[in-house]
């Protein structure tokens, strides 16, 4: 994170002085800038700086998600999923960006995707997933990872990842 902040501040400094028509060689004494310029063209460094700036804005949005929960239960040879995301009143989208059901053999240590649900949200300040049922195969363990999602504007979003425990079938 420190590296990205440093790159962002360097790129913004380069852009500011370029606008003022100062030569970029005025920074030749600073090794960090020299290394940065050696690896990227000015255009590439500006694009990287803007992308980092945009990402920092997105990740700094907090307080949009007020409460959240997600759980799974076993029902015969099926998994029942329930959850909710509650957001503050200023959001325009609230819910789940992604719900991933993962599985692994009972004797394995690595998880693989079994089923993916994307973009389950509403245009209000809350979203409830009411008992989504998924049939599963026996001989596996299943868990669910989710991304709770809230969007206030293009540059103001919040995502919170969560994971359930596993169930054996």
Protein backbone atom coordinates (compact mmCIF):
# COMPACT_ATOMS: atom_id res chain seq x y z
CA UNK A 1 0.00 0.00 0.00
CA UNK A 2 2.90 2.30 0.83
CA UNK A 3 4.38 1.64 -2.61
CA UNK A 4 1.12 2.60 -4.32
CA UNK A 5 0.82 5.80 -2.32
CA UNK A 6 4.37 6.69 -3.23
CA UNK A 7 3.72 5.98 -6.92
CA UNK A 8 0.53 8.03 -6.81
CA UNK A 9 2.20 11.01 -5.18
CA UNK A 10 5.10 10.83 -7.63
CA UNK A 11 2.77 10.63 -10.64
CA UNK A 12 0.65 13.52 -9.37
CA UNK A 13 3.77 15.59 -8.81
CA UNK A 14 4.99 14.86 -12.33
CA UNK A 15 1.60 15.79 -13.79
CA UNK A 16 1.41 19.03 -11.77
CA UNK A 17 4.83 20.20 -12.87
CA UNK A 18 4.20 19.14 -16.47
CA UNK A 19 1.15 21.37 -16.51
CA UNK A 20 3.26 24.25 -15.23
CA UNK A 21 5.73 23.57 -18.08
CA UNK A 22 8.58 22.59 -15.80
CA UNK A 23 10.94 20.04 -17.32
CA UNK A 24 10.73 16.56 -15.79
CA UNK A 25 14.53 16.49 -15.62
CA UNK A 26 14.24 18.77 -12.60
CA UNK A 27 13.48 15.57 -10.67
CA UNK A 28 16.58 13.71 -11.81
CA UNK A 29 18.13 13.91 -8.33
CA UNK A 30 15.28 11.89 -6.81
CA UNK A 31 16.08 8.20 -7.32
CA UNK A 32 12.51 7.03 -6.73
CA UNK A 33 11.23 9.16 -9.59
CA UNK A 34 14.13 8.20 -11.82
CA UNK A 35 13.42 4.50 -11.22
CA UNK A 36 9.72 5.08 -11.81
CA UNK A 37 10.37 6.94 -15.09
CA UNK A 38 12.88 4.33 -16.21
CA UNK A 39 10.21 1.62 -15.95
CA UNK A 40 7.26 3.53 -17.46
CA UNK A 41 6.61 6.25 -19.99
CA UNK A 42 4.99 9.43 -18.69
CA UNK A 43 1.68 8.39 -20.27
CA UNK A 44 1.83 4.94 -18.63
CA UNK A 45 2.73 6.45 -15.26
CA UNK A 46 -0.23 8.85 -15.49
CA UNK A 47 -2.57 5.96 -16.33
CA UNK A 48 -1.20 3.92 -13.41
CA UNK A 49 -1.56 6.89 -11.06
CA UNK A 50 -5.17 7.47 -12.11
CA UNK A 51 -6.02 3.77 -11.73
CA UNK A 52 -4.48 3.73 -8.25
CA UNK A 53 -6.31 6.94 -7.33
CA UNK A 54 -9.61 5.46 -8.54
CA UNK A 55 -9.02 2.21 -6.61
CA UNK A 56 -8.13 4.12 -3.43
CA UNK A 57 -11.39 6.05 -3.66
CA UNK A 58 -13.38 2.84 -4.00
CA UNK A 59 -11.69 1.09 -1.12
CA UNK A 60 -11.90 4.06 1.24
CA UNK A 61 -15.69 4.14 1.25
CA UNK A 62 -16.79 2.88 4.64
CA UNK A 63 -19.96 3.06 6.60
CA UNK A 64 -22.17 2.19 3.65
CA UNK A 65 -22.83 -1.34 4.96
CA UNK A 66 -24.44 -1.14 8.39
CA UNK A 67 -25.18 -4.82 9.06
CA UNK A 68 -24.71 -8.14 7.28
CA UNK A 69 -25.16 -11.86 7.76
CA UNK A 70 -24.96 -15.07 5.75
CA UNK A 71 -25.54 -18.66 6.82
CA UNK A 72 -25.93 -22.13 5.37
CA UNK A 73 -27.82 -25.13 6.70
CA UNK A 74 -28.09 -28.74 5.62
CA UNK A 75 -31.43 -30.05 4.39
CA UNK A 76 -31.27 -33.64 3.10
CA UNK A 77 -28.96 -33.52 0.07
CA UNK A 78 -29.28 -29.74 -0.31
CA UNK A 79 -27.76 -26.58 1.11
CA UNK A 80 -30.09 -23.80 2.20
CA UNK A 81 -28.56 -20.33 2.05
CA UNK A 82 -29.91 -17.27 3.85
CA UNK A 83 -28.42 -13.82 4.22
CA UNK A 84 -28.89 -10.10 4.18
CA UNK A 85 -27.02 -6.86 3.65
CA UNK A 86 -28.30 -3.69 5.28
CA UNK A 87 -26.94 -0.35 4.05
CA UNK A 88 -27.33 3.30 4.99
CA UNK A 89 -30.06 5.35 3.31
CA UNK A 90 -27.74 7.08 0.81
CA UNK A 91 -26.89 3.96 -1.22
CA UNK A 92 -28.32 3.22 -4.66
CA UNK A 93 -27.46 -0.51 -4.66
CA UNK A 94 -27.30 -2.91 -1.73
CA UNK A 95 -26.86 -6.68 -1.62
CA UNK A 96 -24.34 -9.29 -2.75
CA UNK A 97 -21.79 -8.75 -5.49
CA UNK A 98 -21.01 -12.47 -5.51
CA UNK A 99 -21.99 -15.67 -3.73
CA UNK A 100 -19.69 -18.62 -4.38
CA UNK A 101 -20.49 -22.15 -3.25
CA UNK A 102 -17.23 -24.08 -2.94
CA UNK A 103 -16.61 -27.75 -2.37
CA UNK A 104 -13.79 -30.16 -1.64
CA UNK A 105 -13.47 -33.90 -1.26
CA UNK A 106 -13.66 -34.94 2.38
CA UNK A 107 -9.99 -35.99 2.16
CA UNK A 108 -8.75 -32.89 0.27
CA UNK A 109 -7.43 -29.57 1.50
CA UNK A 110 -8.20 -27.40 -1.55
CA UNK A 111 -11.55 -25.81 -2.37
CA UNK A 112 -13.00 -25.42 -5.87
CA UNK A 113 -15.96 -23.45 -7.19
CA UNK A 114 -19.20 -25.42 -7.40
CA UNK A 115 -21.79 -22.71 -8.12
CA UNK A 116 -21.55 -18.91 -8.50
CA UNK A 117 -24.31 -16.33 -8.15
CA UNK A 118 -23.49 -12.75 -9.22
CA UNK A 119 -25.03 -9.34 -8.70
CA UNK A 120 -27.86 -10.10 -6.29
CA UNK A 121 -28.83 -6.65 -5.04
CA UNK A 122 -31.66 -4.14 -4.93
CA UNK A 123 -31.86 -0.42 -5.53
CA UNK A 124 -32.93 0.17 -1.93
CA UNK A 125 -30.95 0.23 1.31
CA UNK A 126 -31.37 -3.48 2.12
CA UNK A 127 -31.37 -6.84 0.42
CA UNK A 128 -32.45 -10.18 1.85
CA UNK A 129 -31.63 -13.53 0.27
CA UNK A 130 -34.48 -15.73 1.42
CA UNK A 131 -33.67 -19.43 1.46
CA UNK A 132 -31.87 -20.19 -1.78
CA UNK A 133 -31.62 -24.00 -2.07
CA UNK A 134 -28.90 -25.85 -3.97
CA UNK A 135 -28.73 -29.62 -4.47
CA UNK A 136 -25.27 -31.06 -3.80
CA UNK A 137 -23.39 -34.33 -4.28
CA UNK A 138 -22.42 -36.50 -1.31
CA UNK A 139 -18.77 -37.22 -0.47
CA UNK A 140 -17.89 -33.50 -0.35
CA UNK A 141 -17.66 -30.64 2.11
CA UNK A 142 -19.34 -27.37 1.10
CA UNK A 143 -18.87 -23.78 2.20
CA UNK A 144 -20.01 -20.42 0.86
CA UNK A 145 -18.01 -17.21 0.42
CA UNK A 146 -19.87 -13.97 -0.20
CA UNK A 147 -19.12 -10.36 -1.01
CA UNK A 148 -21.58 -7.97 0.65
CA UNK A 149 -21.91 -4.89 -1.56
CA UNK A 150 -23.07 -1.28 -1.26
CA UNK A 151 -22.84 1.45 -3.87
CA UNK A 152 -23.47 5.11 -3.23
CA UNK A 153 -21.88 6.50 -6.43
CA UNK A 154 -19.30 5.54 -9.03
CA UNK A 155 -16.43 6.27 -6.65
CA UNK A 156 -18.13 5.35 -3.41
CA UNK A 157 -18.63 1.62 -2.93
CA UNK A 158 -18.00 -0.80 -0.12
CA UNK A 159 -17.39 -4.53 -0.33
CA UNK A 160 -17.03 -6.87 2.63
CA UNK A 161 -15.99 -10.48 2.12
CA UNK A 162 -17.25 -13.22 4.42
CA UNK A 163 -17.17 -17.00 4.52
CA UNK A 164 -19.29 -19.63 6.24
CA UNK A 165 -18.08 -22.75 7.94
CA UNK A 166 -18.38 -26.00 5.98
CA UNK A 167 -21.01 -28.73 5.89
CA UNK A 168 -20.20 -32.37 5.12
CA UNK A 169 -22.43 -34.44 2.85
